Amino acid sequence: MAGGTHMWPTVELGDLLDALELTELGPGRFLARNVTSTLPTTLGSQTLAQAVVAAERVVPHMAVQSMHGVFPRGGDAGREVEVDVEIVQSGRALATVQVTFRQDAREHARALVMLSIDEPDFLDHHSELPATIPAPEQCQELPCALLPWEVRTSGGADALAPDLAGPPTLDLWMRCDKAPDLPGIARALLAHGSEGFLGPVALRPYSQHEIARRGGRGTSALLAQTITFHRPFTLHDWLLLRCESPFAGSSRMYSRIQIFTRTGDLVASATAHGLMRTAG
């Protein structure tokens, strides 16, 4: 497969949207199915998307503002998942819930989610989008099997070519105009979509030869991820993901993403802490 695009499991959009249709078992209790991918374990990205849906089902008059997910162990992708939502606090403007994912009473993921109502601006500033970033029409397709929608970046698949090394940064555009244009679905799909590049951007400074010289790539896994939604957005128009990995060491990597509309509004941010060990 071209470039480094083989690193992602394959997910289909219809299957992902179907996995977001949680079955209610009782107050704060749901049954969910896993997407069918090329991995035998539950995808952390899918879990984050389902956590958005579950939290907003329990607190329907608010929207997810910030979410921190941890993934202590892998779930079985071939089996259904019990999703429990516990309300930690609920007020007029803010609410906090804990979303737990279990199979046979064995917990494999948990998310602490803060929700809020829409409030007026008091302070109003955000990071600026450099004018030098190529527009999506000037970029090439980046095949990403985890994201079943349009993804583009300068250089296309060659931007992640395993035999090349580059800075631990990546600017890419994505758009999904085949999903329902609903705010909750947009938040869930962005939570899923932001996870896919947090690991690859940390590997960019190291060519395949250098990785082999260091002992080869062994165990890698996302340990925790946080995503914050700043402004409403639509996935029916292009979003820019500005990805960077400011640190890697001690068999860990840290990455972050700022997400902009094409008009330069910062609408979301994501960070992740992951495991990345040598095979040697």
C-alpha atoms as a PDB file:
ATOM      1  CA  MET A   1       0.000   0.000   0.000  1.00  0.00           C
ATOM      2  CA  ALA A   2       1.261   3.490  -0.802  1.00  0.00           C
ATOM      3  CA  GLY A   3       3.174   5.440   1.804  1.00  0.00           C
ATOM      4  CA  GLY A   4       2.492   4.615   5.425  1.00  0.00           C
ATOM      5  CA  THR A   5      -1.239   4.225   4.911  1.00  0.00           C
ATOM      6  CA  HIS A   6      -1.148   0.531   5.884  1.00  0.00           C
ATOM      7  CA  MET A   7      -0.960   1.535   9.568  1.00  0.00           C
ATOM      8  CA  TRP A   8      -4.729   2.050   9.968  1.00  0.00           C
ATOM      9  CA  PRO A   9      -7.485  -0.552  10.396  1.00  0.00           C
ATOM     10  CA  THR A  10     -10.292  -0.433   7.834  1.00  0.00           C
ATOM     11  CA  VAL A  11     -13.647   1.071   8.883  1.00  0.00           C
ATOM     12  CA  GLU A  12     -16.761   1.688   6.753  1.00  0.00           C
ATOM     13  CA  LEU A  13     -18.880   4.801   7.290  1.00  0.00           C
ATOM     14  CA  GLY A  14     -22.245   3.022   7.360  1.00  0.00           C
ATOM     15  CA  ASP A  15     -20.926   0.550   9.923  1.00  0.00           C
ATOM     16  CA  LEU A  16     -19.550   3.365  12.109  1.00  0.00           C
ATOM     17  CA  LEU A  17     -22.828   5.301  11.991  1.00  0.00           C
ATOM     18  CA  ASP A  18     -24.721   2.119  12.871  1.00  0.00           C
ATOM     19  CA  ALA A  19     -22.433   1.589  15.887  1.00  0.00           C
ATOM     20  CA  LEU A  20     -23.487   5.041  17.145  1.00  0.00           C
ATOM     21  CA  GLU A  21     -27.131   3.884  17.351  1.00  0.00           C
ATOM     22  CA  LEU A  22     -27.028   2.828  21.014  1.00  0.00           C
ATOM     23  CA  THR A  23     -29.832   0.623  22.359  1.00  0.00           C
ATOM     24  CA  GLU A  24     -31.258   1.922  25.657  1.00  0.00           C
ATOM     25  CA  LEU A  25     -31.536  -0.734  28.363  1.00  0.00           C
ATOM     26  CA  GLY A  26     -32.638   1.608  31.159  1.00  0.00           C
ATOM     27  CA  PRO A  27     -31.780   5.016  32.656  1.00  0.00           C
ATOM     28  CA  GLY A  28     -28.121   5.680  31.802  1.00  0.00           C
ATOM     29  CA  ARG A  29     -27.622   2.140  30.460  1.00  0.00           C
ATOM     30  CA  PHE A  30     -27.044   1.248  26.823  1.00  0.00           C
ATOM     31  CA  LEU A  31     -25.983  -1.659  24.643  1.00  0.00           C
ATOM     32  CA  ALA A  32     -23.563  -0.900  21.816  1.00  0.00           C
ATOM     33  CA  ARG A  33     -21.997  -2.864  19.019  1.00  0.00           C
ATOM     34  CA  ASN A  34     -18.443  -2.526  17.782  1.00  0.00           C
ATOM     35  CA  VAL A  35     -17.525  -1.568  14.263  1.00  0.00           C
ATOM     36  CA  THR A  36     -16.179  -4.331  12.082  1.00  0.00           C
ATOM     37  CA  SER A  37     -12.564  -3.520  11.313  1.00  0.00           C
ATOM     38  CA  THR A  38      -9.376  -5.362  10.462  1.00  0.00           C
ATOM     39  CA  LEU A  39      -8.440  -5.465  14.179  1.00  0.00           C
ATOM     40  CA  PRO A  40      -9.784  -8.010  16.699  1.00  0.00           C
ATOM     41  CA  THR A  41      -9.989  -5.406  19.482  1.00  0.00           C
ATOM     42  CA  THR A  42     -12.370  -2.516  20.070  1.00  0.00           C
ATOM     43  CA  LEU A  43     -11.166   0.730  18.476  1.00  0.00           C
ATOM     44  CA  GLY A  44     -10.503   3.527  20.943  1.00  0.00           C
ATOM     45  CA  SER A  45     -11.656   6.040  18.337  1.00  0.00           C
ATOM     46  CA  GLN A  46     -15.036   4.335  18.087  1.00  0.00           C
ATOM     47  CA  THR A  47     -15.314   4.269  21.889  1.00  0.00           C
ATOM     48  CA  LEU A  48     -14.798   8.041  22.047  1.00  0.00           C
ATOM     49  CA  ALA A  49     -17.486   8.560  19.408  1.00  0.00           C
ATOM     50  CA  GLN A  50     -19.935   6.368  21.342  1.00  0.00           C
ATOM     51  CA  ALA A  51     -19.106   8.230  24.572  1.00  0.00           C
ATOM     52  CA  VAL A  52     -20.206  11.494  22.924  1.00  0.00           C
ATOM     53  CA  VAL A  53     -23.504   9.919  21.858  1.00  0.00           C
ATOM     54  CA  ALA A  54     -24.147   8.256  25.244  1.00  0.00           C
ATOM     55  CA  ALA A  55     -23.412  11.436  27.240  1.00  0.00           C
ATOM     56  CA  GLU A  56     -25.706  13.560  25.073  1.00  0.00           C
ATOM     57  CA  ARG A  57     -28.467  10.935  25.279  1.00  0.00           C
ATOM     58  CA  VAL A  58     -28.392  11.163  29.100  1.00  0.00           C
ATOM     59  CA  VAL A  59     -28.064  14.974  29.196  1.00  0.00           C
ATOM     60  CA  PRO A  60     -29.969  15.893  26.013  1.00  0.00           C
ATOM     61  CA  HIS A  61     -30.241  19.644  26.662  1.00  0.00           C
ATOM     62  CA  MET A  62     -26.441  20.048  26.655  1.00  0.00           C
ATOM     63  CA  ALA A  63     -23.600  19.297  24.246  1.00  0.00           C
ATOM     64  CA  VAL A  64     -20.256  17.652  24.979  1.00  0.00           C
ATOM     65  CA  GLN A  65     -17.666  20.330  25.688  1.00  0.00           C
ATOM     66  CA  SER A  66     -14.672  18.277  26.799  1.00  0.00           C
ATOM     67  CA  MET A  67     -13.939  14.570  27.128  1.00  0.00           C
ATOM     68  CA  HIS A  68     -11.007  12.609  28.547  1.00  0.00           C
ATOM     69  CA  GLY A  69     -10.902   8.915  27.668  1.00  0.00           C
ATOM     70  CA  VAL A  70      -8.608   6.205  29.038  1.00  0.00           C
ATOM     71  CA  PHE A  71      -8.167   2.722  27.601  1.00  0.00           C
ATOM     72  CA  PRO A  72      -6.757   0.362  30.272  1.00  0.00           C
ATOM     73  CA  ARG A  73      -7.299  -2.811  28.224  1.00  0.00           C
ATOM     74  CA  GLY A  74      -8.616  -3.983  24.879  1.00  0.00           C
ATOM     75  CA  GLY A  75     -12.213  -4.986  24.276  1.00  0.00           C
ATOM     76  CA  ASP A  76     -13.379  -7.842  22.036  1.00  0.00           C
ATOM     77  CA  ALA A  77     -14.526  -6.310  18.738  1.00  0.00           C
ATOM     78  CA  GLY A  78     -16.737  -9.309  17.985  1.00  0.00           C
ATOM     79  CA  ARG A  79     -19.008  -8.841  21.000  1.00  0.00           C
ATOM     80  CA  GLU A  80     -21.483  -6.212  22.175  1.00  0.00           C
ATOM     81  CA  VAL A  81     -20.556  -3.706  24.863  1.00  0.00           C
ATOM     82  CA  GLU A  82     -22.459  -2.468  27.903  1.00  0.00           C
ATOM     83  CA  VAL A  83     -22.263   1.311  28.213  1.00  0.00           C
ATOM     84  CA  ASP A  84     -23.069   2.865  31.601  1.00  0.00           C
ATOM     85  CA  VAL A  85     -23.432   6.628  32.083  1.00  0.00           C
ATOM     86  CA  GLU A  86     -23.186   7.958  35.643  1.00  0.00           C
ATOM     87  CA  ILE A  87     -24.139  11.585  36.270  1.00  0.00           C
ATOM     88  CA  VAL A  88     -21.430  13.037  38.509  1.00  0.00           C
ATOM     89  CA  GLN A  89     -22.866  16.567  38.575  1.00  0.00           C
ATOM     90  CA  SER A  90     -25.629  18.385  36.735  1.00  0.00           C
ATOM     91  CA  GLY A  91     -26.476  22.092  36.973  1.00  0.00           C
ATOM     92  CA  ARG A  92     -28.043  24.820  34.881  1.00  0.00           C
ATOM     93  CA  ALA A  93     -25.014  25.419  32.617  1.00  0.00           C
ATOM     94  CA  LEU A  94     -22.658  22.468  33.136  1.00  0.00           C
ATOM     95  CA  ALA A  95     -22.887  18.740  33.703  1.00  0.00           C
ATOM     96  CA  THR A  96     -20.290  16.010  34.202  1.00  0.00           C
ATOM     97  CA  VAL A  97     -20.848  12.340  33.449  1.00  0.00           C
ATOM     98  CA  GLN A  98     -18.699   9.237  33.546  1.00  0.00           C
ATOM     99  CA  VAL A  99     -19.124   6.785  30.664  1.00  0.00           C
ATOM    100  CA  THR A 100     -17.907   3.225  31.254  1.00  0.00           C
ATOM    101  CA  PHE A 101     -17.558   0.463  28.646  1.00  0.00           C
ATOM    102  CA  ARG A 102     -17.735  -3.167  29.845  1.00  0.00           C
ATOM    103  CA  GLN A 103     -17.949  -6.699  28.520  1.00  0.00           C
ATOM    104  CA  ASP A 104     -18.931  -9.374  31.087  1.00  0.00           C
ATOM    105  CA  ALA A 105     -18.379  -6.834  33.890  1.00  0.00           C
ATOM    106  CA  ARG A 106     -14.800  -6.319  32.651  1.00  0.00           C
ATOM    107  CA  GLU A 107     -14.116  -2.640  32.034  1.00  0.00           C
ATOM    108  CA  HIS A 108     -11.981  -1.787  29.014  1.00  0.00           C
ATOM    109  CA  ALA A 109     -12.556   1.958  28.558  1.00  0.00           C
ATOM    110  CA  ARG A 110     -13.800   4.954  30.511  1.00  0.00           C
ATOM    111  CA  ALA A 111     -14.470   8.583  29.627  1.00  0.00           C
ATOM    112  CA  LEU A 112     -15.035  11.569  31.893  1.00  0.00           C
ATOM    113  CA  VAL A 113     -17.251  13.941  29.908  1.00  0.00           C
ATOM    114  CA  MET A 114     -18.179  17.566  30.613  1.00  0.00           C
ATOM    115  CA  LEU A 115     -21.260  18.964  28.873  1.00  0.00           C
ATOM    116  CA  SER A 116     -22.532  22.521  28.706  1.00  0.00           C
ATOM    117  CA  ILE A 117     -25.189  24.798  27.292  1.00  0.00           C
ATOM    118  CA  ASP A 118     -24.286  27.428  24.699  1.00  0.00           C
ATOM    119  CA  GLU A 119     -23.186  30.637  26.430  1.00  0.00           C
ATOM    120  CA  PRO A 120     -22.214  34.099  25.107  1.00  0.00           C
ATOM    121  CA  ASP A 121     -18.596  35.150  24.660  1.00  0.00           C
ATOM    122  CA  PHE A 122     -16.820  37.097  27.397  1.00  0.00           C
ATOM    123  CA  LEU A 123     -13.260  36.671  26.096  1.00  0.00           C
ATOM    124  CA  ASP A 124     -12.823  35.937  22.391  1.00  0.00           C
ATOM    125  CA  HIS A 125      -9.502  34.883  20.884  1.00  0.00           C
ATOM    126  CA  HIS A 126      -7.999  31.758  19.330  1.00  0.00           C
ATOM    127  CA  SER A 127      -4.908  30.504  17.516  1.00  0.00           C
ATOM    128  CA  GLU A 128      -4.500  31.929  14.048  1.00  0.00           C
ATOM    129  CA  LEU A 129      -4.388  29.803  10.914  1.00  0.00           C
ATOM    130  CA  PRO A 130      -1.267  30.585   8.819  1.00  0.00           C
ATOM    131  CA  ALA A 131      -2.069  31.899   5.348  1.00  0.00           C
ATOM    132  CA  THR A 132       0.632  29.636   3.856  1.00  0.00           C
ATOM    133  CA  ILE A 133      -1.317  26.399   4.420  1.00  0.00           C
ATOM    134  CA  PRO A 134      -2.483  24.969   1.058  1.00  0.00           C
ATOM    135  CA  ALA A 135      -6.261  24.831   0.556  1.00  0.00           C
ATOM    136  CA  PRO A 136      -7.869  21.385   0.283  1.00  0.00           C
ATOM    137  CA  GLU A 137      -8.233  21.859  -3.485  1.00  0.00           C
ATOM    138  CA  GLN A 138      -4.434  22.200  -3.678  1.00  0.00           C
ATOM    139  CA  CYS A 139      -3.783  19.009  -1.709  1.00  0.00           C
ATOM    140  CA  GLN A 140      -3.771  15.343  -2.687  1.00  0.00           C
ATOM    141  CA  GLU A 141      -5.777  12.416  -1.313  1.00  0.00           C
ATOM    142  CA  LEU A 142      -4.349  10.675   1.757  1.00  0.00           C
ATOM    143  CA  PRO A 143      -5.846   7.176   1.963  1.00  0.00           C
ATOM    144  CA  CYS A 144      -6.780   6.556   5.606  1.00  0.00           C
ATOM    145  CA  ALA A 145      -8.818   3.388   6.104  1.00  0.00           C
ATOM    146  CA  LEU A 146      -9.789   4.419   9.659  1.00  0.00           C
ATOM    147  CA  LEU A 147     -11.514   7.544   8.328  1.00  0.00           C
ATOM    148  CA  PRO A 148     -14.133   6.497   5.737  1.00  0.00           C
ATOM    149  CA  TRP A 149     -14.390   9.980   4.225  1.00  0.00           C
ATOM    150  CA  GLU A 150     -12.277  12.480   2.297  1.00  0.00           C
ATOM    151  CA  VAL A 151      -8.792  13.182   3.688  1.00  0.00           C
ATOM    152  CA  ARG A 152      -6.237  15.342   1.876  1.00  0.00           C
ATOM    153  CA  THR A 153      -2.753  16.657   2.615  1.00  0.00           C
ATOM    154  CA  SER A 154       0.113  18.215   0.701  1.00  0.00           C
ATOM    155  CA  GLY A 155       1.940  15.336  -0.968  1.00  0.00           C
ATOM    156  CA  GLY A 156      -0.865  12.838  -0.391  1.00  0.00           C
ATOM    157  CA  ALA A 157       0.234   9.357   0.699  1.00  0.00           C
ATOM    158  CA  ASP A 158       3.897  10.318   0.253  1.00  0.00           C
ATOM    159  CA  ALA A 159       3.570  12.585   3.317  1.00  0.00           C
ATOM    160  CA  LEU A 160       3.665   9.418   5.436  1.00  0.00           C
ATOM    161  CA  ALA A 161       6.033   7.385   3.278  1.00  0.00           C
ATOM    162  CA  PRO A 162       7.862   4.945   5.613  1.00  0.00           C
ATOM    163  CA  ASP A 163      11.238   5.413   3.879  1.00  0.00           C
ATOM    164  CA  LEU A 164      11.243   9.178   4.421  1.00  0.00           C
ATOM    165  CA  ALA A 165      11.675  11.302   7.534  1.00  0.00           C
ATOM    166  CA  GLY A 166      10.138  14.693   8.238  1.00  0.00           C
ATOM    167  CA  PRO A 167       9.203  17.002  11.102  1.00  0.00           C
ATOM    168  CA  PRO A 168       6.738  15.686  13.724  1.00  0.00           C
ATOM    169  CA  THR A 169       3.959  17.821  12.222  1.00  0.00           C
ATOM    170  CA  LEU A 170       1.236  17.263   9.645  1.00  0.00           C
ATOM    171  CA  ASP A 171      -1.496  19.498   8.225  1.00  0.00           C
ATOM    172  CA  LEU A 172      -4.421  17.670   6.690  1.00  0.00           C
ATOM    173  CA  TRP A 173      -7.945  18.400   5.568  1.00  0.00           C
ATOM    174  CA  MET A 174     -10.960  16.171   6.043  1.00  0.00           C
ATOM    175  CA  ARG A 175     -14.627  16.321   5.049  1.00  0.00           C
ATOM    176  CA  CYS A 176     -17.538  13.904   5.508  1.00  0.00           C
ATOM    177  CA  ASP A 177     -20.606  14.996   3.559  1.00  0.00           C
ATOM    178  CA  LYS A 178     -22.208  11.531   3.455  1.00  0.00           C
ATOM    179  CA  ALA A 179     -23.133  11.441   7.164  1.00  0.00           C
ATOM    180  CA  PRO A 180     -26.148  13.247   8.649  1.00  0.00           C
ATOM    181  CA  ASP A 181     -25.336  16.942   9.164  1.00  0.00           C
ATOM    182  CA  LEU A 182     -26.251  16.902  12.865  1.00  0.00           C
ATOM    183  CA  PRO A 183     -24.153  18.569  15.616  1.00  0.00           C
ATOM    184  CA  GLY A 184     -23.997  15.469  17.828  1.00  0.00           C
ATOM    185  CA  ILE A 185     -22.995  13.209  14.935  1.00  0.00           C
ATOM    186  CA  ALA A 186     -20.359  15.744  13.886  1.00  0.00           C
ATOM    187  CA  ARG A 187     -18.853  15.750  17.391  1.00  0.00           C
ATOM    188  CA  ALA A 188     -18.864  11.940  17.531  1.00  0.00           C
ATOM    189  CA  LEU A 189     -17.243  11.544  14.106  1.00  0.00           C
ATOM    190  CA  LEU A 190     -14.611  14.181  14.857  1.00  0.00           C
ATOM    191  CA  ALA A 191     -13.759  12.374  18.126  1.00  0.00           C
ATOM    192  CA  HIS A 192     -13.274   9.210  16.065  1.00  0.00           C
ATOM    193  CA  GLY A 193     -11.381  10.985  13.294  1.00  0.00           C
ATOM    194  CA  SER A 194      -8.926  12.903  15.479  1.00  0.00           C
ATOM    195  CA  GLU A 195      -7.434   9.712  16.916  1.00  0.00           C
ATOM    196  CA  GLY A 196      -6.026   8.417  13.639  1.00  0.00           C
ATOM    197  CA  PHE A 197      -3.116  10.851  13.287  1.00  0.00           C
ATOM    198  CA  LEU A 198      -1.940  11.242  16.877  1.00  0.00           C
ATOM    199  CA  GLY A 199       0.396   8.238  16.560  1.00  0.00           C
ATOM    200  CA  PRO A 200       1.597   8.608  12.938  1.00  0.00           C
ATOM    201  CA  VAL A 201       2.713  12.197  13.468  1.00  0.00           C
ATOM    202  CA  ALA A 202       5.012  11.022  16.293  1.00  0.00           C
ATOM    203  CA  LEU A 203       6.687   8.579  13.879  1.00  0.00           C
ATOM    204  CA  ARG A 204       7.325  11.102  11.106  1.00  0.00           C
ATOM    205  CA  PRO A 205      10.890  12.041  12.163  1.00  0.00           C
ATOM    206  CA  TYR A 206      12.040   8.421  11.809  1.00  0.00           C
ATOM    207  CA  SER A 207      12.449   6.603   8.517  1.00  0.00           C
ATOM    208  CA  GLN A 208      11.726   2.893   8.273  1.00  0.00           C
ATOM    209  CA  HIS A 209      15.496   2.297   8.250  1.00  0.00           C
ATOM    210  CA  GLU A 210      15.944   4.299  11.463  1.00  0.00           C
ATOM    211  CA  ILE A 211      13.061   2.470  13.169  1.00  0.00           C
ATOM    212  CA  ALA A 212      14.699  -0.851  12.240  1.00  0.00           C
ATOM    213  CA  ARG A 213      18.084   0.377  13.510  1.00  0.00           C
ATOM    214  CA  ARG A 214      16.482   1.156  16.879  1.00  0.00           C
ATOM    215  CA  GLY A 215      15.123  -2.381  17.182  1.00  0.00           C
ATOM    216  CA  GLY A 216      11.938  -2.215  15.116  1.00  0.00           C
ATOM    217  CA  ARG A 217       8.510  -0.958  16.048  1.00  0.00           C
ATOM    218  CA  GLY A 218       6.901  -3.162  18.666  1.00  0.00           C
ATOM    219  CA  THR A 219       3.896  -2.551  20.913  1.00  0.00           C
ATOM    220  CA  SER A 220       1.972   0.663  20.350  1.00  0.00           C
ATOM    221  CA  ALA A 221      -1.357   1.686  21.847  1.00  0.00           C
ATOM    222  CA  LEU A 222      -3.275   4.802  22.729  1.00  0.00           C
ATOM    223  CA  LEU A 223      -3.442   5.107  26.520  1.00  0.00           C
ATOM    224  CA  ALA A 224      -5.472   8.294  26.938  1.00  0.00           C
ATOM    225  CA  GLN A 225      -7.004  10.981  24.766  1.00  0.00           C
ATOM    226  CA  THR A 226      -8.667  14.309  25.475  1.00  0.00           C
ATOM    227  CA  ILE A 227     -10.810  16.253  23.019  1.00  0.00           C
ATOM    228  CA  THR A 228     -12.359  19.670  23.614  1.00  0.00           C
ATOM    229  CA  PHE A 229     -15.029  21.197  21.388  1.00  0.00           C
ATOM    230  CA  HIS A 230     -14.769  24.992  21.258  1.00  0.00           C
ATOM    231  CA  ARG A 231     -17.317  26.022  18.614  1.00  0.00           C
ATOM    232  CA  PRO A 232     -20.106  24.371  16.596  1.00  0.00           C
ATOM    233  CA  PHE A 233     -18.977  23.020  13.213  1.00  0.00           C
ATOM    234  CA  THR A 234     -20.124  20.899  10.297  1.00  0.00           C
ATOM    235  CA  LEU A 235     -18.268  18.008   8.728  1.00  0.00           C
ATOM    236  CA  HIS A 236     -20.007  18.740   5.435  1.00  0.00           C
ATOM    237  CA  ASP A 237     -17.316  21.380   4.844  1.00  0.00           C
ATOM    238  CA  TRP A 238     -13.559  20.962   5.117  1.00  0.00           C
ATOM    239  CA  LEU A 239     -11.849  20.970   8.506  1.00  0.00           C
ATOM    240  CA  LEU A 240      -8.090  21.410   8.882  1.00  0.00           C
ATOM    241  CA  LEU A 241      -6.284  19.223  11.423  1.00  0.00           C
ATOM    242  CA  ARG A 242      -2.930  20.729  12.471  1.00  0.00           C
ATOM    243  CA  CYS A 243      -1.131  17.774  14.075  1.00  0.00           C
ATOM    244  CA  GLU A 244       2.132  17.831  16.012  1.00  0.00           C
ATOM    245  CA  SER A 245       4.071  15.615  18.399  1.00  0.00           C
ATOM    246  CA  PRO A 246       6.140  17.820  20.740  1.00  0.00           C
ATOM    247  CA  PHE A 247       7.479  14.877  22.764  1.00  0.00           C
ATOM    248  CA  ALA A 248       8.434  11.210  22.436  1.00  0.00           C
ATOM    249  CA  GLY A 249      10.549   9.284  24.951  1.00  0.00           C
ATOM    250  CA  SER A 250      10.510   6.660  27.715  1.00  0.00           C
ATOM    251  CA  SER A 251       8.484   4.411  25.372  1.00  0.00           C
ATOM    252  CA  ARG A 252       5.725   7.017  25.301  1.00  0.00           C
ATOM    253  CA  MET A 253       4.559   9.607  22.795  1.00  0.00           C
ATOM    254  CA  TYR A 254       2.527  12.786  23.234  1.00  0.00           C
ATOM    255  CA  SER A 255       0.677  14.448  20.363  1.00  0.00           C
ATOM    256  CA  ARG A 256      -1.860  17.225  19.913  1.00  0.00           C
ATOM    257  CA  ILE A 257      -4.169  18.539  17.201  1.00  0.00           C
ATOM    258  CA  GLN A 258      -5.800  21.898  16.584  1.00  0.00           C
ATOM    259  CA  ILE A 259      -8.868  21.725  14.338  1.00  0.00           C
ATOM    260  CA  PHE A 260      -9.923  24.710  12.222  1.00  0.00           C
ATOM    261  CA  THR A 261     -12.632  25.508   9.716  1.00  0.00           C
ATOM    262  CA  ARG A 262     -11.380  26.619   6.318  1.00  0.00           C
ATOM    263  CA  THR A 263     -12.259  30.199   7.300  1.00  0.00           C
ATOM    264  CA  GLY A 264      -9.795  29.984  10.217  1.00  0.00           C
ATOM    265  CA  ASP A 265     -12.066  29.396  13.230  1.00  0.00           C
ATOM    266  CA  LEU A 266     -10.617  27.059  15.875  1.00  0.00           C
ATOM    267  CA  VAL A 267     -13.454  24.619  16.610  1.00  0.00           C
ATOM    268  CA  ALA A 268     -11.775  21.782  18.550  1.00  0.00           C
ATOM    269  CA  SER A 269      -8.506  20.570  20.087  1.00  0.00           C
ATOM    270  CA  ALA A 270      -7.235  17.074  20.893  1.00  0.00           C
ATOM    271  CA  THR A 271      -4.295  15.628  22.802  1.00  0.00           C
ATOM    272  CA  ALA A 272      -3.134  12.059  23.345  1.00  0.00           C
ATOM    273  CA  HIS A 273      -0.669  10.043  25.403  1.00  0.00           C
ATOM    274  CA  GLY A 274       0.368   6.721  23.929  1.00  0.00           C
ATOM    275  CA  LEU A 275       2.586   3.681  24.332  1.00  0.00           C
ATOM    276  CA  MET A 276       5.266   3.112  21.689  1.00  0.00           C
ATOM    277  CA  ARG A 277       7.850   0.425  22.405  1.00  0.00           C
ATOM    278  CA  THR A 278      10.642  -1.155  20.447  1.00  0.00           C
ATOM    279  CA  ALA A 279      10.246  -4.717  19.249  1.00  0.00           C
ATOM    280  CA  GLY A 280      13.746  -5.518  20.459  1.00  0.00           C
END
